[in-house]
């Protein structure tokens, strides 16, 4: 083999080996520093807020819908800075106050748990009662609870023919027994009425200043959790030319508001 050619090939090989060694020893470039941060939080109760909106100092908005089952929400990529969090309540809930949060690049800020107050409207539950040996179950009870005003009312309709309503006005204070009455000042009262429709004829029963008796007993009440439960029984007299009376027994309610 020709010596100059062999030398050249050897030098090329050595150069290639040195290149590999040099390349392998080179330090990897440092990763780019993070430029955004994240945001997480939880709505309680779940479903009480339909949208959470983060607004930056320049007025840009970043909306997100919380998980309906867990109440969790998050925004993974926000530029660092101060944001205002605002909340759009679902039907039946009050709007919470906005809160300020700071986003730091490379970190996730926890906004914590946002507790949402009910507006007092009854959102579900059950009501049942017995009249003349027949038990009725109310379908989708409605009504409202306002502790500040002392008001508690619920209405339940059963099979489109039997309707029951209870009103505690001004005197409601949670757990306790409320006797039916209509004092002269009717803005302070505990009343009940019953409407029955049979064969196209509507009969209306209620308590009056001189007739009707019974009570509503609230056995459990939690304003924060939005729950109320209890029992009731009363005898109501015919109103608006309705003859006779109706005797409601074994009344029970368990409501969410």
C-alpha atoms as a PDB file:
ATOM      1  CA  UNK A   1       0.000   0.000   0.000  1.00  0.00           C
ATOM      2  CA  UNK A   2       1.246   3.481  -0.823  1.00  0.00           C
ATOM      3  CA  UNK A   3       2.580   5.106   2.387  1.00  0.00           C
ATOM      4  CA  UNK A   4       1.235   8.652   1.700  1.00  0.00           C
ATOM      5  CA  UNK A   5      -2.249   7.313   1.091  1.00  0.00           C
ATOM      6  CA  UNK A   6      -2.131   5.136   4.199  1.00  0.00           C
ATOM      7  CA  UNK A   7      -0.985   8.101   6.285  1.00  0.00           C
ATOM      8  CA  UNK A   8      -3.802  10.235   4.923  1.00  0.00           C
ATOM      9  CA  UNK A   9      -6.389   7.555   5.721  1.00  0.00           C
ATOM     10  CA  UNK A  10      -4.955   7.195   9.244  1.00  0.00           C
ATOM     11  CA  UNK A  11      -5.121  10.932   9.830  1.00  0.00           C
ATOM     12  CA  UNK A  12      -8.728  11.069   8.599  1.00  0.00           C
ATOM     13  CA  UNK A  13      -9.679   8.245  10.937  1.00  0.00           C
ATOM     14  CA  UNK A  14      -8.014   9.917  13.895  1.00  0.00           C
ATOM     15  CA  UNK A  15      -9.770  13.148  13.117  1.00  0.00           C
ATOM     16  CA  UNK A  16     -13.119  11.393  12.982  1.00  0.00           C
ATOM     17  CA  UNK A  17     -12.491   9.705  16.339  1.00  0.00           C
ATOM     18  CA  UNK A  18     -11.462  13.022  17.923  1.00  0.00           C
ATOM     19  CA  UNK A  19     -14.604  14.659  16.539  1.00  0.00           C
ATOM     20  CA  UNK A  20     -16.753  11.965  18.101  1.00  0.00           C
ATOM     21  CA  UNK A  21     -14.974  12.340  21.439  1.00  0.00           C
ATOM     22  CA  UNK A  22     -15.266  16.123  21.369  1.00  0.00           C
ATOM     23  CA  UNK A  23     -18.939  16.005  20.402  1.00  0.00           C
ATOM     24  CA  UNK A  24     -19.740  13.454  23.105  1.00  0.00           C
ATOM     25  CA  UNK A  25     -18.081  15.580  25.753  1.00  0.00           C
ATOM     26  CA  UNK A  26     -19.921  18.734  24.824  1.00  0.00           C
ATOM     27  CA  UNK A  27     -22.364  19.986  27.501  1.00  0.00           C
ATOM     28  CA  UNK A  28     -26.043  19.844  26.608  1.00  0.00           C
ATOM     29  CA  UNK A  29     -27.553  23.332  26.276  1.00  0.00           C
ATOM     30  CA  UNK A  30     -29.555  24.505  29.287  1.00  0.00           C
ATOM     31  CA  UNK A  31     -33.333  24.198  28.864  1.00  0.00           C
ATOM     32  CA  UNK A  32     -35.278  27.359  28.265  1.00  0.00           C
ATOM     33  CA  UNK A  33     -36.697  28.761  31.517  1.00  0.00           C
ATOM     34  CA  UNK A  34     -40.505  28.458  31.869  1.00  0.00           C
ATOM     35  CA  UNK A  35     -42.480  31.467  30.710  1.00  0.00           C
ATOM     36  CA  UNK A  36     -45.942  30.589  32.064  1.00  0.00           C
ATOM     37  CA  UNK A  37     -47.555  29.382  35.261  1.00  0.00           C
ATOM     38  CA  UNK A  38     -50.701  27.481  36.166  1.00  0.00           C
ATOM     39  CA  UNK A  39     -53.825  28.039  38.227  1.00  0.00           C
ATOM     40  CA  UNK A  40     -56.008  25.516  40.050  1.00  0.00           C
ATOM     41  CA  UNK A  41     -58.966  25.712  42.416  1.00  0.00           C
ATOM     42  CA  UNK A  42     -62.185  24.051  43.525  1.00  0.00           C
ATOM     43  CA  UNK A  43     -65.820  25.177  43.605  1.00  0.00           C
ATOM     44  CA  UNK A  44     -67.988  24.043  46.535  1.00  0.00           C
ATOM     45  CA  UNK A  45     -70.594  22.768  46.055  1.00  0.00           C
ATOM     46  CA  UNK A  46     -69.751  21.335  42.642  1.00  0.00           C
ATOM     47  CA  UNK A  47     -72.012  22.742  39.953  1.00  0.00           C
ATOM     48  CA  UNK A  48     -72.614  26.037  41.765  1.00  0.00           C
ATOM     49  CA  UNK A  49     -70.421  28.008  39.331  1.00  0.00           C
ATOM     50  CA  UNK A  50     -70.769  27.723  35.562  1.00  0.00           C
ATOM     51  CA  UNK A  51     -67.646  29.705  34.641  1.00  0.00           C
ATOM     52  CA  UNK A  52     -64.468  30.994  36.282  1.00  0.00           C
ATOM     53  CA  UNK A  53     -62.727  33.890  34.532  1.00  0.00           C
ATOM     54  CA  UNK A  54     -59.153  35.051  35.121  1.00  0.00           C
ATOM     55  CA  UNK A  55     -58.569  38.654  33.977  1.00  0.00           C
ATOM     56  CA  UNK A  56     -55.039  40.051  33.698  1.00  0.00           C
ATOM     57  CA  UNK A  57     -53.937  43.627  34.336  1.00  0.00           C
ATOM     58  CA  UNK A  58     -54.458  44.483  30.673  1.00  0.00           C
ATOM     59  CA  UNK A  59     -58.040  43.275  30.624  1.00  0.00           C
ATOM     60  CA  UNK A  60     -57.459  39.999  28.775  1.00  0.00           C
ATOM     61  CA  UNK A  61     -59.820  37.280  29.988  1.00  0.00           C
ATOM     62  CA  UNK A  62     -59.230  33.546  30.326  1.00  0.00           C
ATOM     63  CA  UNK A  63     -62.482  31.639  31.069  1.00  0.00           C
ATOM     64  CA  UNK A  64     -62.798  28.032  32.180  1.00  0.00           C
ATOM     65  CA  UNK A  65     -65.777  25.847  33.141  1.00  0.00           C
ATOM     66  CA  UNK A  66     -65.321  23.936  36.436  1.00  0.00           C
ATOM     67  CA  UNK A  67     -65.882  20.192  36.438  1.00  0.00           C
ATOM     68  CA  UNK A  68     -69.573  19.659  37.163  1.00  0.00           C
ATOM     69  CA  UNK A  69     -68.928  16.547  39.261  1.00  0.00           C
ATOM     70  CA  UNK A  70     -65.915  17.637  41.352  1.00  0.00           C
ATOM     71  CA  UNK A  71     -65.919  21.436  41.129  1.00  0.00           C
ATOM     72  CA  UNK A  72     -62.234  21.441  40.116  1.00  0.00           C
ATOM     73  CA  UNK A  73     -60.998  24.073  37.657  1.00  0.00           C
ATOM     74  CA  UNK A  74     -57.628  24.982  36.181  1.00  0.00           C
ATOM     75  CA  UNK A  75     -55.785  27.140  33.666  1.00  0.00           C
ATOM     76  CA  UNK A  76     -52.379  25.592  32.859  1.00  0.00           C
ATOM     77  CA  UNK A  77     -50.699  28.368  30.837  1.00  0.00           C
ATOM     78  CA  UNK A  78     -50.962  31.914  32.123  1.00  0.00           C
ATOM     79  CA  UNK A  79     -48.347  34.628  31.756  1.00  0.00           C
ATOM     80  CA  UNK A  80     -46.843  35.702  35.101  1.00  0.00           C
ATOM     81  CA  UNK A  81     -48.634  38.557  36.830  1.00  0.00           C
ATOM     82  CA  UNK A  82     -51.634  39.459  38.934  1.00  0.00           C
ATOM     83  CA  UNK A  83     -55.083  38.271  37.897  1.00  0.00           C
ATOM     84  CA  UNK A  84     -58.598  38.911  39.128  1.00  0.00           C
ATOM     85  CA  UNK A  85     -60.733  35.786  39.436  1.00  0.00           C
ATOM     86  CA  UNK A  86     -64.463  36.297  38.915  1.00  0.00           C
ATOM     87  CA  UNK A  87     -67.261  33.724  39.066  1.00  0.00           C
ATOM     88  CA  UNK A  88     -70.486  33.240  37.139  1.00  0.00           C
ATOM     89  CA  UNK A  89     -73.011  31.462  39.377  1.00  0.00           C
ATOM     90  CA  UNK A  90     -75.308  28.701  38.188  1.00  0.00           C
ATOM     91  CA  UNK A  91     -79.022  29.156  38.650  1.00  0.00           C
ATOM     92  CA  UNK A  92     -79.945  29.064  42.328  1.00  0.00           C
ATOM     93  CA  UNK A  93     -76.630  30.380  43.686  1.00  0.00           C
ATOM     94  CA  UNK A  94     -75.231  33.771  44.688  1.00  0.00           C
ATOM     95  CA  UNK A  95     -72.171  35.266  43.020  1.00  0.00           C
ATOM     96  CA  UNK A  96     -69.034  35.009  45.198  1.00  0.00           C
ATOM     97  CA  UNK A  97     -66.744  38.012  45.578  1.00  0.00           C
ATOM     98  CA  UNK A  98     -63.865  38.265  43.112  1.00  0.00           C
ATOM     99  CA  UNK A  99     -60.402  37.427  44.392  1.00  0.00           C
ATOM    100  CA  UNK A 100     -56.874  38.395  43.348  1.00  0.00           C
ATOM    101  CA  UNK A 101     -54.216  35.784  42.596  1.00  0.00           C
ATOM    102  CA  UNK A 102     -50.585  35.957  41.457  1.00  0.00           C
ATOM    103  CA  UNK A 103     -49.151  33.710  38.768  1.00  0.00           C
ATOM    104  CA  UNK A 104     -45.439  32.841  38.859  1.00  0.00           C
ATOM    105  CA  UNK A 105     -43.590  31.286  35.911  1.00  0.00           C
ATOM    106  CA  UNK A 106     -42.896  27.606  36.415  1.00  0.00           C
ATOM    107  CA  UNK A 107     -45.302  27.252  39.346  1.00  0.00           C
ATOM    108  CA  UNK A 108     -48.979  26.454  39.885  1.00  0.00           C
ATOM    109  CA  UNK A 109     -51.001  28.792  42.084  1.00  0.00           C
ATOM    110  CA  UNK A 110     -53.802  27.207  44.116  1.00  0.00           C
ATOM    111  CA  UNK A 111     -56.800  29.538  44.409  1.00  0.00           C
ATOM    112  CA  UNK A 112     -58.182  27.284  47.138  1.00  0.00           C
ATOM    113  CA  UNK A 113     -61.826  26.360  47.623  1.00  0.00           C
ATOM    114  CA  UNK A 114     -64.438  28.880  46.535  1.00  0.00           C
ATOM    115  CA  UNK A 115     -67.526  28.321  48.681  1.00  0.00           C
ATOM    116  CA  UNK A 116     -70.722  29.422  46.949  1.00  0.00           C
ATOM    117  CA  UNK A 117     -73.861  30.347  48.879  1.00  0.00           C
ATOM    118  CA  UNK A 118     -77.297  29.237  47.787  1.00  0.00           C
ATOM    119  CA  UNK A 119     -79.807  31.935  46.905  1.00  0.00           C
ATOM    120  CA  UNK A 120     -82.259  30.034  49.100  1.00  0.00           C
ATOM    121  CA  UNK A 121     -84.343  28.487  46.334  1.00  0.00           C
ATOM    122  CA  UNK A 122     -85.228  24.842  46.901  1.00  0.00           C
ATOM    123  CA  UNK A 123     -83.369  22.737  44.350  1.00  0.00           C
ATOM    124  CA  UNK A 124     -84.598  19.252  45.112  1.00  0.00           C
ATOM    125  CA  UNK A 125     -85.521  16.719  47.722  1.00  0.00           C
ATOM    126  CA  UNK A 126     -88.691  14.925  48.666  1.00  0.00           C
ATOM    127  CA  UNK A 127     -92.058  15.635  50.302  1.00  0.00           C
ATOM    128  CA  UNK A 128     -94.642  12.998  51.197  1.00  0.00           C
ATOM    129  CA  UNK A 129     -97.924  12.934  53.134  1.00  0.00           C
ATOM    130  CA  UNK A 130    -101.065  10.872  53.695  1.00  0.00           C
ATOM    131  CA  UNK A 131    -104.704  11.911  53.152  1.00  0.00           C
ATOM    132  CA  UNK A 132    -107.598   9.514  53.814  1.00  0.00           C
ATOM    133  CA  UNK A 133    -105.220   6.550  53.984  1.00  0.00           C
ATOM    134  CA  UNK A 134    -103.552   7.365  50.635  1.00  0.00           C
ATOM    135  CA  UNK A 135     -99.880   8.355  50.642  1.00  0.00           C
ATOM    136  CA  UNK A 136     -98.776  10.986  48.142  1.00  0.00           C
ATOM    137  CA  UNK A 137     -95.250  11.895  47.063  1.00  0.00           C
ATOM    138  CA  UNK A 138     -94.552  15.392  45.805  1.00  0.00           C
ATOM    139  CA  UNK A 139     -92.747  15.683  42.483  1.00  0.00           C
ATOM    140  CA  UNK A 140     -89.889  18.233  42.260  1.00  0.00           C
ATOM    141  CA  UNK A 141     -90.691  20.344  45.327  1.00  0.00           C
ATOM    142  CA  UNK A 142     -90.178  24.090  44.969  1.00  0.00           C
ATOM    143  CA  UNK A 143     -89.946  26.987  47.401  1.00  0.00           C
ATOM    144  CA  UNK A 144     -87.326  29.032  49.204  1.00  0.00           C
ATOM    145  CA  UNK A 145     -85.515  29.585  52.484  1.00  0.00           C
ATOM    146  CA  UNK A 146     -84.490  33.025  53.739  1.00  0.00           C
ATOM    147  CA  UNK A 147     -83.051  32.824  57.234  1.00  0.00           C
ATOM    148  CA  UNK A 148     -82.429  36.585  57.435  1.00  0.00           C
ATOM    149  CA  UNK A 149     -86.113  37.301  56.786  1.00  0.00           C
ATOM    150  CA  UNK A 150     -87.327  34.321  58.774  1.00  0.00           C
ATOM    151  CA  UNK A 151     -89.161  32.807  55.799  1.00  0.00           C
ATOM    152  CA  UNK A 152     -89.468  29.159  54.777  1.00  0.00           C
ATOM    153  CA  UNK A 153     -91.909  27.924  52.158  1.00  0.00           C
ATOM    154  CA  UNK A 154     -92.251  24.781  50.092  1.00  0.00           C
ATOM    155  CA  UNK A 155     -94.788  23.496  47.606  1.00  0.00           C
ATOM    156  CA  UNK A 156     -95.194  19.934  46.374  1.00  0.00           C
ATOM    157  CA  UNK A 157     -97.441  18.621  43.603  1.00  0.00           C
ATOM    158  CA  UNK A 158     -98.440  14.949  43.495  1.00  0.00           C
ATOM    159  CA  UNK A 159     -99.949  13.226  40.426  1.00  0.00           C
ATOM    160  CA  UNK A 160    -101.291  16.538  39.083  1.00  0.00           C
ATOM    161  CA  UNK A 161    -104.286  16.301  41.442  1.00  0.00           C
ATOM    162  CA  UNK A 162    -102.962  16.905  44.957  1.00  0.00           C
ATOM    163  CA  UNK A 163    -100.986  20.031  45.846  1.00  0.00           C
ATOM    164  CA  UNK A 164     -99.656  20.973  49.263  1.00  0.00           C
ATOM    165  CA  UNK A 165     -97.999  24.210  50.375  1.00  0.00           C
ATOM    166  CA  UNK A 166     -96.462  25.291  53.670  1.00  0.00           C
ATOM    167  CA  UNK A 167     -95.491  28.882  54.561  1.00  0.00           C
ATOM    168  CA  UNK A 168     -93.585  30.023  57.621  1.00  0.00           C
ATOM    169  CA  UNK A 169     -93.314  33.792  57.335  1.00  0.00           C
ATOM    170  CA  UNK A 170     -91.078  36.008  59.496  1.00  0.00           C
ATOM    171  CA  UNK A 171     -90.844  33.548  62.394  1.00  0.00           C
ATOM    172  CA  UNK A 172     -88.644  30.813  60.901  1.00  0.00           C
ATOM    173  CA  UNK A 173     -85.493  30.237  62.959  1.00  0.00           C
ATOM    174  CA  UNK A 174     -84.413  26.749  61.951  1.00  0.00           C
ATOM    175  CA  UNK A 175     -85.005  23.658  64.079  1.00  0.00           C
ATOM    176  CA  UNK A 176     -88.252  23.832  66.035  1.00  0.00           C
ATOM    177  CA  UNK A 177     -92.022  23.366  65.908  1.00  0.00           C
ATOM    178  CA  UNK A 178     -94.233  25.949  64.200  1.00  0.00           C
ATOM    179  CA  UNK A 179     -97.940  25.799  64.978  1.00  0.00           C
ATOM    180  CA  UNK A 180    -100.420  26.812  62.293  1.00  0.00           C
ATOM    181  CA  UNK A 181    -101.781  30.289  62.933  1.00  0.00           C
ATOM    182  CA  UNK A 182    -102.745  33.502  61.179  1.00  0.00           C
ATOM    183  CA  UNK A 183    -102.354  36.366  63.657  1.00  0.00           C
ATOM    184  CA  UNK A 184    -104.019  39.666  62.934  1.00  0.00           C
ATOM    185  CA  UNK A 185    -100.711  40.893  61.479  1.00  0.00           C
ATOM    186  CA  UNK A 186    -100.629  38.462  58.583  1.00  0.00           C
ATOM    187  CA  UNK A 187     -97.010  39.284  57.793  1.00  0.00           C
ATOM    188  CA  UNK A 188     -96.169  37.010  60.744  1.00  0.00           C
ATOM    189  CA  UNK A 189     -97.743  33.630  60.168  1.00  0.00           C
ATOM    190  CA  UNK A 190     -97.463  29.889  59.778  1.00  0.00           C
ATOM    191  CA  UNK A 191     -99.958  28.601  57.239  1.00  0.00           C
ATOM    192  CA  UNK A 192    -100.679  25.617  55.033  1.00  0.00           C
ATOM    193  CA  UNK A 193    -103.047  25.031  52.166  1.00  0.00           C
ATOM    194  CA  UNK A 194    -104.122  22.034  50.135  1.00  0.00           C
ATOM    195  CA  UNK A 195    -105.576  21.945  46.631  1.00  0.00           C
ATOM    196  CA  UNK A 196    -107.290  18.888  45.197  1.00  0.00           C
ATOM    197  CA  UNK A 197    -108.594  18.553  41.656  1.00  0.00           C
ATOM    198  CA  UNK A 198    -111.092  15.765  40.991  1.00  0.00           C
ATOM    199  CA  UNK A 199    -113.212  15.365  37.866  1.00  0.00           C
ATOM    200  CA  UNK A 200    -112.624  18.967  36.857  1.00  0.00           C
ATOM    201  CA  UNK A 201    -113.618  20.297  40.295  1.00  0.00           C
ATOM    202  CA  UNK A 202    -111.008  22.102  42.374  1.00  0.00           C
ATOM    203  CA  UNK A 203    -111.277  22.029  46.170  1.00  0.00           C
ATOM    204  CA  UNK A 204    -109.171  24.396  48.293  1.00  0.00           C
ATOM    205  CA  UNK A 205    -108.412  23.917  51.982  1.00  0.00           C
ATOM    206  CA  UNK A 206    -106.434  26.057  54.407  1.00  0.00           C
ATOM    207  CA  UNK A 207    -106.177  27.386  57.934  1.00  0.00           C
ATOM    208  CA  UNK A 208    -107.955  30.591  58.912  1.00  0.00           C
ATOM    209  CA  UNK A 209    -107.859  32.836  61.997  1.00  0.00           C
ATOM    210  CA  UNK A 210    -110.645  30.720  63.507  1.00  0.00           C
ATOM    211  CA  UNK A 211    -110.235  27.244  61.998  1.00  0.00           C
ATOM    212  CA  UNK A 212    -107.525  24.781  61.103  1.00  0.00           C
ATOM    213  CA  UNK A 213    -104.916  23.228  63.360  1.00  0.00           C
ATOM    214  CA  UNK A 214    -101.616  21.400  63.216  1.00  0.00           C
ATOM    215  CA  UNK A 215     -97.904  22.121  63.006  1.00  0.00           C
ATOM    216  CA  UNK A 216     -94.699  21.829  61.029  1.00  0.00           C
ATOM    217  CA  UNK A 217     -91.645  20.523  62.868  1.00  0.00           C
ATOM    218  CA  UNK A 218     -88.171  21.173  61.464  1.00  0.00           C
ATOM    219  CA  UNK A 219     -85.999  18.389  62.872  1.00  0.00           C
ATOM    220  CA  UNK A 220     -82.775  19.222  60.996  1.00  0.00           C
ATOM    221  CA  UNK A 221     -81.549  22.428  59.383  1.00  0.00           C
ATOM    222  CA  UNK A 222     -78.126  23.435  58.037  1.00  0.00           C
ATOM    223  CA  UNK A 223     -77.948  26.814  56.334  1.00  0.00           C
ATOM    224  CA  UNK A 224     -74.354  26.251  55.159  1.00  0.00           C
ATOM    225  CA  UNK A 225     -75.010  22.824  53.665  1.00  0.00           C
ATOM    226  CA  UNK A 226     -78.411  23.966  52.341  1.00  0.00           C
ATOM    227  CA  UNK A 227     -80.501  21.172  53.860  1.00  0.00           C
ATOM    228  CA  UNK A 228     -83.773  21.065  55.803  1.00  0.00           C
ATOM    229  CA  UNK A 229     -85.836  18.122  57.019  1.00  0.00           C
ATOM    230  CA  UNK A 230     -88.832  17.563  59.210  1.00  0.00           C
ATOM    231  CA  UNK A 231     -92.423  16.458  59.635  1.00  0.00           C
ATOM    232  CA  UNK A 232     -95.882  17.986  59.462  1.00  0.00           C
ATOM    233  CA  UNK A 233     -99.534  17.191  60.098  1.00  0.00           C
ATOM    234  CA  UNK A 234    -102.604  19.422  60.052  1.00  0.00           C
ATOM    235  CA  UNK A 235    -106.320  19.628  59.536  1.00  0.00           C
ATOM    236  CA  UNK A 236    -107.399  22.275  57.027  1.00  0.00           C
ATOM    237  CA  UNK A 237    -110.907  23.623  56.429  1.00  0.00           C
ATOM    238  CA  UNK A 238    -112.608  24.236  53.084  1.00  0.00           C
ATOM    239  CA  UNK A 239    -112.110  27.701  51.568  1.00  0.00           C
ATOM    240  CA  UNK A 240    -113.842  29.501  48.693  1.00  0.00           C
ATOM    241  CA  UNK A 241    -117.063  27.500  49.064  1.00  0.00           C
ATOM    242  CA  UNK A 242    -115.252  24.188  49.415  1.00  0.00           C
ATOM    243  CA  UNK A 243    -117.191  22.109  51.972  1.00  0.00           C
ATOM    244  CA  UNK A 244    -115.720  19.990  54.726  1.00  0.00           C
ATOM    245  CA  UNK A 245    -112.070  19.655  55.665  1.00  0.00           C
ATOM    246  CA  UNK A 246    -108.962  17.634  54.820  1.00  0.00           C
ATOM    247  CA  UNK A 247    -106.739  15.842  57.318  1.00  0.00           C
ATOM    248  CA  UNK A 248    -103.041  15.637  56.323  1.00  0.00           C
ATOM    249  CA  UNK A 249    -100.979  13.158  58.353  1.00  0.00           C
ATOM    250  CA  UNK A 250     -97.535  11.537  58.298  1.00  0.00           C
ATOM    251  CA  UNK A 251     -96.066  14.492  56.412  1.00  0.00           C
ATOM    252  CA  UNK A 252     -92.314  14.364  55.822  1.00  0.00           C
ATOM    253  CA  UNK A 253     -89.894  16.582  53.953  1.00  0.00           C
ATOM    254  CA  UNK A 254     -86.186  16.449  53.148  1.00  0.00           C
ATOM    255  CA  UNK A 255     -85.109  19.395  51.018  1.00  0.00           C
ATOM    256  CA  UNK A 256     -81.984  20.866  49.410  1.00  0.00           C
ATOM    257  CA  UNK A 257     -81.711  24.612  48.903  1.00  0.00           C
END
